[in-house]
C-alpha atoms as a PDB file:
ATOM      1  CA  MET A   1       0.000   0.000   0.000  1.00  0.00           C
ATOM      2  CA  MET A   2       1.216   3.470  -0.880  1.00  0.00           C
ATOM      3  CA  GLU A   3       1.431   6.277   1.635  1.00  0.00           C
ATOM      4  CA  LYS A   4       1.557   9.982   0.814  1.00  0.00           C
ATOM      5  CA  ILE A   5       4.375  12.011   2.379  1.00  0.00           C
ATOM      6  CA  GLU A   6       4.027  15.776   2.510  1.00  0.00           C
ATOM      7  CA  SER A   7       6.791  17.195   4.713  1.00  0.00           C
ATOM      8  CA  ILE A   8      10.552  17.086   5.077  1.00  0.00           C
ATOM      9  CA  GLU A   9      10.044  15.858   8.652  1.00  0.00           C
ATOM     10  CA  GLN A  10       7.927  12.895   7.497  1.00  0.00           C
ATOM     11  CA  PHE A  11      10.578  12.029   4.898  1.00  0.00           C
ATOM     12  CA  GLU A  12      13.394  12.239   7.467  1.00  0.00           C
ATOM     13  CA  ASP A  13      11.430   9.827   9.668  1.00  0.00           C
ATOM     14  CA  LEU A  14      11.180   7.422   6.718  1.00  0.00           C
ATOM     15  CA  LEU A  15      14.914   7.528   6.135  1.00  0.00           C
ATOM     16  CA  ALA A  16      15.493   6.720   9.793  1.00  0.00           C
ATOM     17  CA  LYS A  17      12.933   3.926  10.196  1.00  0.00           C
ATOM     18  CA  GLU A  18      12.782   2.103   6.836  1.00  0.00           C
ATOM     19  CA  GLU A  19      15.677  -0.104   5.750  1.00  0.00           C
ATOM     20  CA  LYS A  20      14.484  -0.057   2.134  1.00  0.00           C
ATOM     21  CA  PHE A  21      11.593   1.721   0.413  1.00  0.00           C
ATOM     22  CA  LEU A  22      10.376   3.140  -2.884  1.00  0.00           C
ATOM     23  CA  PHE A  23       9.541   6.817  -3.259  1.00  0.00           C
ATOM     24  CA  LEU A  24       7.751   8.501  -6.183  1.00  0.00           C
ATOM     25  CA  LYS A  25       7.692  12.186  -7.066  1.00  0.00           C
ATOM     26  CA  HIS A  26       4.353  12.590  -8.837  1.00  0.00           C
ATOM     27  CA  SER A  27       2.967  15.560 -10.755  1.00  0.00           C
ATOM     28  CA  LEU A  28      -0.793  15.961 -10.506  1.00  0.00           C
ATOM     29  CA  THR A  29      -1.036  17.645 -13.923  1.00  0.00           C
ATOM     30  CA  CYS A  30       1.256  15.583 -16.162  1.00  0.00           C
ATOM     31  CA  PRO A  31      -0.107  12.664 -18.222  1.00  0.00           C
ATOM     32  CA  ILE A  32       3.300  10.926 -18.186  1.00  0.00           C
ATOM     33  CA  SER A  33       3.326  11.187 -14.403  1.00  0.00           C
ATOM     34  CA  HIS A  34      -0.189   9.774 -14.278  1.00  0.00           C
ATOM     35  CA  ALA A  35       0.954   6.718 -16.264  1.00  0.00           C
ATOM     36  CA  ALA A  36       3.987   6.294 -13.975  1.00  0.00           C
ATOM     37  CA  TYR A  37       1.752   6.607 -10.908  1.00  0.00           C
ATOM     38  CA  GLN A  38      -0.478   3.810 -12.236  1.00  0.00           C
ATOM     39  CA  GLU A  39       2.551   1.544 -12.799  1.00  0.00           C
ATOM     40  CA  TYR A  40       3.847   2.381  -9.302  1.00  0.00           C
ATOM     41  CA  GLU A  41       0.437   1.673  -7.796  1.00  0.00           C
ATOM     42  CA  LYS A  42       0.198  -1.707  -9.589  1.00  0.00           C
ATOM     43  CA  PHE A  43       3.654  -2.675  -8.337  1.00  0.00           C
ATOM     44  CA  SER A  44       2.812  -1.552  -4.802  1.00  0.00           C
ATOM     45  CA  ASN A  45      -0.462  -3.485  -4.723  1.00  0.00           C
ATOM     46  CA  GLU A  46       1.263  -6.679  -5.882  1.00  0.00           C
ATOM     47  CA  ASN A  47       4.332  -6.262  -3.633  1.00  0.00           C
ATOM     48  CA  GLU A  48       3.034  -5.215  -0.240  1.00  0.00           C
ATOM     49  CA  ASN A  49       6.309  -6.318   1.362  1.00  0.00           C
ATOM     50  CA  VAL A  50       8.062  -3.344  -0.317  1.00  0.00           C
ATOM     51  CA  PRO A  51       7.170  -0.079   1.447  1.00  0.00           C
ATOM     52  CA  ALA A  52       6.018   2.504  -1.127  1.00  0.00           C
ATOM     53  CA  TYR A  53       5.617   6.228  -0.583  1.00  0.00           C
ATOM     54  CA  TYR A  54       4.975   9.219  -2.804  1.00  0.00           C
ATOM     55  CA  LEU A  55       4.608  12.963  -2.881  1.00  0.00           C
ATOM     56  CA  ALA A  56       2.566  15.254  -5.105  1.00  0.00           C
ATOM     57  CA  VAL A  57       5.046  17.824  -6.390  1.00  0.00           C
ATOM     58  CA  GLN A  58       2.474  20.644  -6.472  1.00  0.00           C
ATOM     59  CA  GLU A  59       1.585  20.030  -2.821  1.00  0.00           C
ATOM     60  CA  ALA A  60       5.054  19.267  -1.432  1.00  0.00           C
ATOM     61  CA  ARG A  61       7.524  21.347  -3.429  1.00  0.00           C
ATOM     62  CA  PRO A  62       9.813  22.040  -0.424  1.00  0.00           C
ATOM     63  CA  LEU A  63      10.172  18.290   0.146  1.00  0.00           C
ATOM     64  CA  SER A  64      10.722  17.606  -3.550  1.00  0.00           C
ATOM     65  CA  ASN A  65      13.454  20.263  -3.683  1.00  0.00           C
ATOM     66  CA  ASP A  66      15.014  18.993  -0.450  1.00  0.00           C
ATOM     67  CA  ILE A  67      15.369  15.475  -1.876  1.00  0.00           C
ATOM     68  CA  ALA A  68      16.997  16.798  -5.060  1.00  0.00           C
ATOM     69  CA  GLU A  69      19.456  18.943  -3.087  1.00  0.00           C
ATOM     70  CA  LYS A  70      20.235  16.438  -0.338  1.00  0.00           C
ATOM     71  CA  PHE A  71      21.006  13.560  -2.699  1.00  0.00           C
ATOM     72  CA  GLN A  72      22.353  15.626  -5.622  1.00  0.00           C
ATOM     73  CA  ILE A  73      19.913  14.054  -8.086  1.00  0.00           C
ATOM     74  CA  LYS A  74      18.364  16.489 -10.567  1.00  0.00           C
ATOM     75  CA  HIS A  75      14.611  16.839 -10.016  1.00  0.00           C
ATOM     76  CA  GLU A  76      12.368  15.280 -12.612  1.00  0.00           C
ATOM     77  CA  SER A  77       8.705  14.486 -12.525  1.00  0.00           C
ATOM     78  CA  PRO A  78       7.699  11.755 -12.485  1.00  0.00           C
ATOM     79  CA  GLN A  79      10.718  10.313 -10.714  1.00  0.00           C
ATOM     80  CA  VAL A  80      11.089   7.226  -8.554  1.00  0.00           C
ATOM     81  CA  PHE A  81      13.821   6.281  -6.098  1.00  0.00           C
ATOM     82  CA  LEU A  82      14.720   3.098  -4.305  1.00  0.00           C
ATOM     83  CA  PHE A  83      16.184   4.073  -0.944  1.00  0.00           C
ATOM     84  CA  SER A  84      18.362   1.630   0.936  1.00  0.00           C
ATOM     85  CA  LYS A  85      19.924   2.421   4.310  1.00  0.00           C
ATOM     86  CA  GLY A  86      19.056   6.103   3.957  1.00  0.00           C
ATOM     87  CA  GLU A  87      20.546   6.584   0.482  1.00  0.00           C
ATOM     88  CA  PRO A  88      19.123   6.289  -3.034  1.00  0.00           C
ATOM     89  CA  SER A  89      20.439   3.083  -4.607  1.00  0.00           C
ATOM     90  CA  TRP A  90      18.434   3.451  -7.849  1.00  0.00           C
ATOM     91  CA  ASN A  91      16.279   6.022  -9.598  1.00  0.00           C
ATOM     92  CA  ALA A  92      14.342   6.387 -12.848  1.00  0.00           C
ATOM     93  CA  SER A  93      12.090   8.939 -14.460  1.00  0.00           C
ATOM     94  CA  HIS A  94       9.304   9.382 -16.981  1.00  0.00           C
ATOM     95  CA  TRP A  95       8.544   6.348 -19.196  1.00  0.00           C
ATOM     96  CA  LYS A  96      11.241   4.282 -17.455  1.00  0.00           C
ATOM     97  CA  ILE A  97       8.917   3.948 -14.454  1.00  0.00           C
ATOM     98  CA  THR A  98       7.164   0.643 -15.072  1.00  0.00           C
ATOM     99  CA  LYS A  99       6.006  -2.210 -12.910  1.00  0.00           C
ATOM    100  CA  LYS A 100       8.780  -4.301 -14.496  1.00  0.00           C
ATOM    101  CA  SER A 101      11.548  -1.727 -13.886  1.00  0.00           C
ATOM    102  CA  LEU A 102      10.456  -1.364 -10.241  1.00  0.00           C
ATOM    103  CA  ALA A 103      10.549  -5.144  -9.744  1.00  0.00           C
ATOM    104  CA  GLU A 104      13.994  -5.364 -11.336  1.00  0.00           C
ATOM    105  CA  ALA A 105      15.337  -2.526  -9.188  1.00  0.00           C
ATOM    106  CA  VAL A 106      14.050  -4.089  -5.972  1.00  0.00           C
ATOM    107  CA  ASN A 107      15.423  -7.524  -6.912  1.00  0.00           C
ATOM    108  CA  GLU A 108      18.829  -6.191  -7.998  1.00  0.00           C
ATOM    109  CA  ASN A 109      19.249  -4.105  -4.839  1.00  0.00           C
ATOM    110  CA  GLN A 110      18.591  -6.784  -2.222  1.00  0.00           C
END
């Protein structure tokens, strides 16, 4: 199940408590982001053992910017990260966000 994160504080808590998790930056107005969100949601529903979180860029811009700055990864939307031990171990954007690519990333980064 996916959980929405809206603040830097919530995200910092995630980094501290979750060993590994997926995180999606989602734009509410972009059709490409909508397609990526659907792929992410399908993956999440079929893989409940992998914690999945997301933010809506229009509603959580400070958090979106903080992630880009903190991890030195240029902001894109849609954009997905696999975090492991508090650091991004994989990321993808736009059409590269598919149920298959998410499964491969999780399996390759065990």
